Amino acid sequence: MNIQIFGKSKCFDTKKAQRYFKERRIKVQDIDLLRYGMSPGEFDSVLRAVGGIDALINWDSKHEDITLMKYMDNPRAKEDKVFDNPALMKTPIVRNGKKATVGYAPEIWATWE
């Protein structure tokens, strides 16, 4: 099992995800999303696993670009905007190979063990 956790340092759900895997003694690779972002391959893999760009966007954010993105019809334009600005992503993003989850999802992670 090769778990990657993409998160923000001040995100409580990211900390809960890290604690979930630590308690089960599962090794993880923690990646600061705001500092390092995602590679294009990782981004495309996550998009396919979670079902598209709308599942990856943090719609509750107060970021000014979120308001604009609510009115965008072109999913490719949304993808480009989110890839260029990782602060718009909902965290944590947890990857296990080709599988991925967005947000705190211990019920799904339990099936990976």
N, C-alpha and C. Protein backbone atom coordinates (compact mmCIF):
# COMPACT_ATOMS: atom_id res chain seq x y z
N MET A 1 0.85 -1.17 0.00
CA MET A 1 0.00 0.00 0.00
C MET A 1 0.90 1.24 0.00
N ASN A 2 0.65 2.13 -0.95
CA ASN A 2 1.44 3.34 -1.10
C ASN A 2 0.50 4.54 -0.96
N ILE A 3 0.37 5.06 0.25
CA ILE A 3 -0.58 6.13 0.54
C ILE A 3 0.11 7.48 0.45
N GLN A 4 -0.52 8.41 -0.27
CA GLN A 4 -0.07 9.80 -0.33
C GLN A 4 -1.19 10.67 0.22
N ILE A 5 -0.82 11.61 1.10
CA ILE A 5 -1.80 12.55 1.62
C ILE A 5 -1.39 13.95 1.18
N PHE A 6 -2.19 14.54 0.29
CA PHE A 6 -1.99 15.92 -0.11
C PHE A 6 -2.87 16.78 0.78
N GLY A 7 -2.27 17.70 1.51
CA GLY A 7 -3.06 18.51 2.42
C GLY A 7 -2.45 19.86 2.69
N LYS A 8 -3.17 20.62 3.47
CA LYS A 8 -2.72 21.94 3.90
C LYS A 8 -2.32 21.84 5.37
N SER A 9 -1.29 22.54 5.76
CA SER A 9 -0.77 22.42 7.13
C SER A 9 -1.77 22.86 8.19
N LYS A 10 -2.69 23.75 7.86
CA LYS A 10 -3.64 24.25 8.85
C LYS A 10 -5.03 23.63 8.71
N CYS A 11 -5.13 22.55 7.96
CA CYS A 11 -6.42 21.90 7.73
C CYS A 11 -6.64 20.79 8.76
N PHE A 12 -7.73 20.86 9.51
CA PHE A 12 -8.01 19.87 10.55
C PHE A 12 -8.30 18.49 9.96
N ASP A 13 -8.99 18.44 8.81
CA ASP A 13 -9.28 17.15 8.20
C ASP A 13 -8.00 16.47 7.73
N THR A 14 -7.03 17.24 7.28
CA THR A 14 -5.73 16.68 6.89
C THR A 14 -5.06 16.06 8.10
N LYS A 15 -5.08 16.74 9.22
CA LYS A 15 -4.47 16.22 10.43
C LYS A 15 -5.19 14.95 10.90
N LYS A 16 -6.51 14.91 10.76
CA LYS A 16 -7.27 13.73 11.13
C LYS A 16 -6.91 12.54 10.23
N ALA A 17 -6.71 12.81 8.94
CA ALA A 17 -6.32 11.75 8.00
C ALA A 17 -4.94 11.21 8.35
N GLN A 18 -4.01 12.09 8.66
CA GLN A 18 -2.66 11.66 9.05
C GLN A 18 -2.72 10.80 10.32
N ARG A 19 -3.53 11.22 11.29
CA ARG A 19 -3.68 10.47 12.52
C ARG A 19 -4.32 9.10 12.27
N TYR A 20 -5.31 9.04 11.36
CA TYR A 20 -5.98 7.79 11.03
C TYR A 20 -4.96 6.74 10.58
N PHE A 21 -4.08 7.11 9.65
CA PHE A 21 -3.11 6.15 9.13
C PHE A 21 -2.00 5.87 10.15
N LYS A 22 -1.62 6.86 10.93
CA LYS A 22 -0.58 6.67 11.94
C LYS A 22 -1.05 5.68 13.00
N GLU A 23 -2.30 5.78 13.43
CA GLU A 23 -2.84 4.87 14.43
C GLU A 23 -2.87 3.42 13.94
N ARG A 24 -2.97 3.24 12.64
CA ARG A 24 -3.00 1.90 12.05
C ARG A 24 -1.63 1.44 11.56
N ARG A 25 -0.61 2.23 11.88
CA ARG A 25 0.78 1.96 11.52
C ARG A 25 0.94 1.74 10.01
N ILE A 26 0.27 2.57 9.24
CA ILE A 26 0.40 2.53 7.78
C ILE A 26 1.28 3.71 7.38
N LYS A 27 2.35 3.41 6.66
CA LYS A 27 3.27 4.46 6.23
C LYS A 27 2.60 5.32 5.16
N VAL A 28 2.76 6.63 5.30
CA VAL A 28 2.18 7.56 4.34
C VAL A 28 3.26 8.55 3.88
N GLN A 29 3.00 9.15 2.74
CA GLN A 29 3.84 10.23 2.25
C GLN A 29 3.00 11.50 2.34
N ASP A 30 3.40 12.41 3.24
CA ASP A 30 2.69 13.67 3.41
C ASP A 30 3.25 14.70 2.45
N ILE A 31 2.35 15.37 1.72
CA ILE A 31 2.76 16.38 0.76
C ILE A 31 1.98 17.66 1.04
N ASP A 32 2.70 18.75 1.26
CA ASP A 32 2.07 20.05 1.48
C ASP A 32 1.55 20.56 0.13
N LEU A 33 0.26 20.58 -0.02
CA LEU A 33 -0.36 20.93 -1.29
C LEU A 33 -0.06 22.36 -1.70
N LEU A 34 -0.07 23.27 -0.74
CA LEU A 34 0.16 24.67 -1.08
C LEU A 34 1.61 24.94 -1.48
N ARG A 35 2.52 24.18 -0.90
CA ARG A 35 3.94 24.40 -1.17
C ARG A 35 4.42 23.67 -2.42
N TYR A 36 4.02 22.41 -2.57
CA TYR A 36 4.53 21.59 -3.67
C TYR A 36 3.52 21.32 -4.78
N GLY A 37 2.24 21.40 -4.47
CA GLY A 37 1.22 21.13 -5.48
C GLY A 37 1.20 19.66 -5.89
N MET A 38 0.68 19.41 -7.07
CA MET A 38 0.62 18.06 -7.64
C MET A 38 1.26 18.07 -9.01
N SER A 39 1.79 16.93 -9.39
CA SER A 39 2.30 16.81 -10.75
C SER A 39 1.08 16.66 -11.68
N PRO A 40 1.26 16.94 -12.97
CA PRO A 40 0.12 16.77 -13.89
C PRO A 40 -0.43 15.35 -13.90
N GLY A 41 0.44 14.35 -13.79
CA GLY A 41 -0.02 12.96 -13.77
C GLY A 41 -0.83 12.65 -12.53
N GLU A 42 -0.37 13.13 -11.37
CA GLU A 42 -1.11 12.91 -10.12
C GLU A 42 -2.47 13.60 -10.19
N PHE A 43 -2.49 14.81 -10.71
CA PHE A 43 -3.73 15.58 -10.82
C PHE A 43 -4.75 14.84 -11.69
N ASP A 44 -4.31 14.35 -12.86
CA ASP A 44 -5.21 13.62 -13.76
C ASP A 44 -5.71 12.33 -13.12
N SER A 45 -4.82 11.63 -12.40
CA SER A 45 -5.21 10.39 -11.73
C SER A 45 -6.27 10.66 -10.66
N VAL A 46 -6.09 11.71 -9.89
CA VAL A 46 -7.07 12.07 -8.86
C VAL A 46 -8.40 12.46 -9.49
N LEU A 47 -8.36 13.24 -10.57
CA LEU A 47 -9.60 13.64 -11.25
C LEU A 47 -10.39 12.42 -11.71
N ARG A 48 -9.71 11.45 -12.30
CA ARG A 48 -10.39 10.24 -12.76
C ARG A 48 -10.96 9.45 -11.59
N ALA A 49 -10.22 9.38 -10.49
CA ALA A 49 -10.64 8.58 -9.34
C ALA A 49 -11.83 9.19 -8.59
N VAL A 50 -11.88 10.52 -8.51
CA VAL A 50 -12.96 11.15 -7.72
C VAL A 50 -14.17 11.52 -8.56
N GLY A 51 -14.06 11.41 -9.88
CA GLY A 51 -15.23 11.65 -10.71
C GLY A 51 -15.33 13.05 -11.30
N GLY A 52 -14.22 13.73 -11.46
CA GLY A 52 -14.25 15.03 -12.14
C GLY A 52 -13.85 16.19 -11.25
N ILE A 53 -13.74 17.32 -11.88
CA ILE A 53 -13.20 18.51 -11.22
C ILE A 53 -14.14 19.06 -10.14
N ASP A 54 -15.44 18.91 -10.31
CA ASP A 54 -16.37 19.48 -9.33
C ASP A 54 -16.24 18.82 -7.96
N ALA A 55 -15.82 17.56 -7.91
CA ALA A 55 -15.62 16.88 -6.63
C ALA A 55 -14.34 17.34 -5.94
N LEU A 56 -13.42 17.91 -6.70
CA LEU A 56 -12.12 18.31 -6.16
C LEU A 56 -12.10 19.75 -5.64
N ILE A 57 -13.05 20.55 -6.08
CA ILE A 57 -13.08 21.97 -5.70
C ILE A 57 -13.72 22.15 -4.33
N ASN A 58 -13.12 23.01 -3.52
CA ASN A 58 -13.68 23.34 -2.20
C ASN A 58 -14.69 24.48 -2.40
N TRP A 59 -15.94 24.11 -2.61
CA TRP A 59 -16.98 25.10 -2.91
C TRP A 59 -17.31 25.98 -1.70
N ASP A 60 -16.94 25.57 -0.50
CA ASP A 60 -17.22 26.35 0.70
C ASP A 60 -16.17 27.42 0.97
N SER A 61 -15.12 27.44 0.18
CA SER A 61 -14.03 28.40 0.37
C SER A 61 -14.50 29.82 0.10
N LYS A 62 -13.87 30.76 0.77
CA LYS A 62 -14.18 32.17 0.58
C LYS A 62 -13.28 32.81 -0.49
N HIS A 63 -12.48 31.99 -1.17
CA HIS A 63 -11.56 32.48 -2.19
C HIS A 63 -12.35 33.13 -3.32
N GLU A 64 -11.84 34.22 -3.84
CA GLU A 64 -12.55 34.98 -4.88
C GLU A 64 -12.75 34.18 -6.17
N ASP A 65 -11.83 33.26 -6.48
CA ASP A 65 -11.95 32.47 -7.71
C ASP A 65 -13.07 31.45 -7.63
N ILE A 66 -13.47 31.04 -6.43
CA ILE A 66 -14.56 30.07 -6.29
C ILE A 66 -15.87 30.65 -6.81
N THR A 67 -16.11 31.91 -6.50
CA THR A 67 -17.33 32.56 -6.99
C THR A 67 -17.36 32.58 -8.51
N LEU A 68 -16.25 32.87 -9.12
CA LEU A 68 -16.14 32.88 -10.58
C LEU A 68 -16.36 31.48 -11.15
N MET A 69 -15.79 30.48 -10.50
CA MET A 69 -15.86 29.12 -11.03
C MET A 69 -17.26 28.53 -10.98
N LYS A 70 -18.11 29.05 -10.12
CA LYS A 70 -19.50 28.57 -10.06
C LYS A 70 -20.23 28.84 -11.37
N TYR A 71 -19.77 29.83 -12.12
CA TYR A 71 -20.43 30.21 -13.37
C TYR A 71 -19.68 29.74 -14.61
N MET A 72 -18.59 29.01 -14.44
CA MET A 72 -17.83 28.50 -15.57
C MET A 72 -18.47 27.21 -16.08
N ASP A 73 -18.67 27.12 -17.40
CA ASP A 73 -19.26 25.92 -17.98
C ASP A 73 -18.21 24.94 -18.48
N ASN A 74 -17.03 25.43 -18.80
CA ASN A 74 -15.99 24.60 -19.40
C ASN A 74 -15.20 23.87 -18.31
N PRO A 75 -15.34 22.53 -18.21
CA PRO A 75 -14.61 21.80 -17.16
C PRO A 75 -13.09 21.88 -17.34
N ARG A 76 -12.61 21.98 -18.56
CA ARG A 76 -11.16 22.07 -18.79
C ARG A 76 -10.61 23.38 -18.23
N ALA A 77 -11.37 24.46 -18.36
CA ALA A 77 -10.94 25.75 -17.80
C ALA A 77 -10.89 25.67 -16.28
N LYS A 78 -11.87 24.98 -15.67
CA LYS A 78 -11.87 24.78 -14.22
C LYS A 78 -10.64 23.99 -13.79
N GLU A 79 -10.34 22.92 -14.54
CA GLU A 79 -9.18 22.08 -14.22
C GLU A 79 -7.89 22.90 -14.26
N ASP A 80 -7.74 23.72 -15.29
CA ASP A 80 -6.53 24.55 -15.41
C ASP A 80 -6.41 25.52 -14.24
N LYS A 81 -7.52 26.13 -13.86
CA LYS A 81 -7.52 27.09 -12.76
C LYS A 81 -7.15 26.42 -11.43
N VAL A 82 -7.72 25.25 -11.18
CA VAL A 82 -7.46 24.54 -9.93
C VAL A 82 -6.03 23.99 -9.90
N PHE A 83 -5.55 23.50 -11.04
CA PHE A 83 -4.18 22.99 -11.09
C PHE A 83 -3.17 24.10 -10.81
N ASP A 84 -3.44 25.29 -11.34
CA ASP A 84 -2.54 26.43 -11.13
C ASP A 84 -2.63 27.01 -9.72
N ASN A 85 -3.77 26.81 -9.04
CA ASN A 85 -3.96 27.35 -7.70
C ASN A 85 -4.47 26.24 -6.76
N PRO A 86 -3.57 25.46 -6.16
CA PRO A 86 -3.99 24.34 -5.30
C PRO A 86 -4.79 24.75 -4.08
N ALA A 87 -4.80 26.03 -3.72
CA ALA A 87 -5.59 26.49 -2.57
C ALA A 87 -7.08 26.29 -2.81
N LEU A 88 -7.49 26.09 -4.05
CA LEU A 88 -8.90 25.91 -4.37
C LEU A 88 -9.37 24.47 -4.15
N MET A 89 -8.44 23.55 -3.89
CA MET A 89 -8.79 22.14 -3.73
C MET A 89 -9.27 21.84 -2.31
N LYS A 90 -10.21 20.92 -2.23
CA LYS A 90 -10.69 20.43 -0.95
C LYS A 90 -9.66 19.43 -0.42
N THR A 91 -9.35 19.50 0.86
CA THR A 91 -8.32 18.62 1.42
C THR A 91 -8.90 17.80 2.57
N PRO A 92 -8.31 16.69 2.91
CA PRO A 92 -7.13 16.08 2.31
C PRO A 92 -7.49 15.29 1.06
N ILE A 93 -6.53 15.19 0.17
CA ILE A 93 -6.64 14.32 -1.00
C ILE A 93 -5.74 13.13 -0.68
N VAL A 94 -6.35 11.96 -0.56
CA VAL A 94 -5.61 10.75 -0.19
C VAL A 94 -5.59 9.81 -1.39
N ARG A 95 -4.38 9.46 -1.83
CA ARG A 95 -4.20 8.57 -2.98
C ARG A 95 -3.64 7.23 -2.53
N ASN A 96 -4.13 6.19 -3.16
CA ASN A 96 -3.60 4.84 -3.00
C ASN A 96 -3.56 4.23 -4.39
N GLY A 97 -2.45 4.42 -5.10
CA GLY A 97 -2.36 3.95 -6.47
C GLY A 97 -3.31 4.73 -7.36
N LYS A 98 -4.24 4.02 -8.00
CA LYS A 98 -5.21 4.67 -8.88
C LYS A 98 -6.47 5.10 -8.14
N LYS A 99 -6.58 4.73 -6.86
CA LYS A 99 -7.74 5.12 -6.06
C LYS A 99 -7.43 6.43 -5.35
N ALA A 100 -8.47 7.22 -5.10
CA ALA A 100 -8.27 8.49 -4.39
C ALA A 100 -9.57 8.92 -3.72
N THR A 101 -9.42 9.69 -2.64
CA THR A 101 -10.58 10.29 -1.98
C THR A 101 -10.28 11.76 -1.74
N VAL A 102 -11.34 12.53 -1.62
CA VAL A 102 -11.23 13.95 -1.30
C VAL A 102 -12.02 14.17 -0.03
N GLY A 103 -11.38 14.80 0.96
CA GLY A 103 -12.03 15.02 2.24
C GLY A 103 -11.74 13.85 3.18
N TYR A 104 -12.27 13.94 4.38
CA TYR A 104 -12.06 12.92 5.40
C TYR A 104 -13.01 11.76 5.12
N ALA A 105 -12.46 10.59 4.74
CA ALA A 105 -13.28 9.45 4.34
C ALA A 105 -12.74 8.14 4.92
N PRO A 106 -12.80 7.96 6.25
CA PRO A 106 -12.24 6.74 6.85
C PRO A 106 -12.96 5.46 6.42
N GLU A 107 -14.23 5.55 6.08
CA GLU A 107 -14.97 4.36 5.66
C GLU A 107 -14.42 3.80 4.34
N ILE A 108 -13.93 4.66 3.47
CA ILE A 108 -13.33 4.20 2.22
C ILE A 108 -11.91 3.71 2.47
N TRP A 109 -11.15 4.42 3.31
CA TRP A 109 -9.77 4.02 3.61
C TRP A 109 -9.73 2.66 4.27
N ALA A 110 -10.74 2.32 5.04
CA ALA A 110 -10.77 1.01 5.72
C ALA A 110 -10.83 -0.13 4.69
N THR A 111 -11.44 0.11 3.53
CA THR A 111 -11.51 -0.93 2.50
C THR A 111 -10.17 -1.11 1.81
N TRP A 112 -9.26 -0.16 1.94
CA TRP A 112 -7.94 -0.25 1.30
C TRP A 112 -6.98 -1.12 2.09
N GLU A 113 -7.25 -1.35 3.39
CA GLU A 113 -6.31 -2.08 4.25
C GLU A 113 -6.28 -3.55 3.93
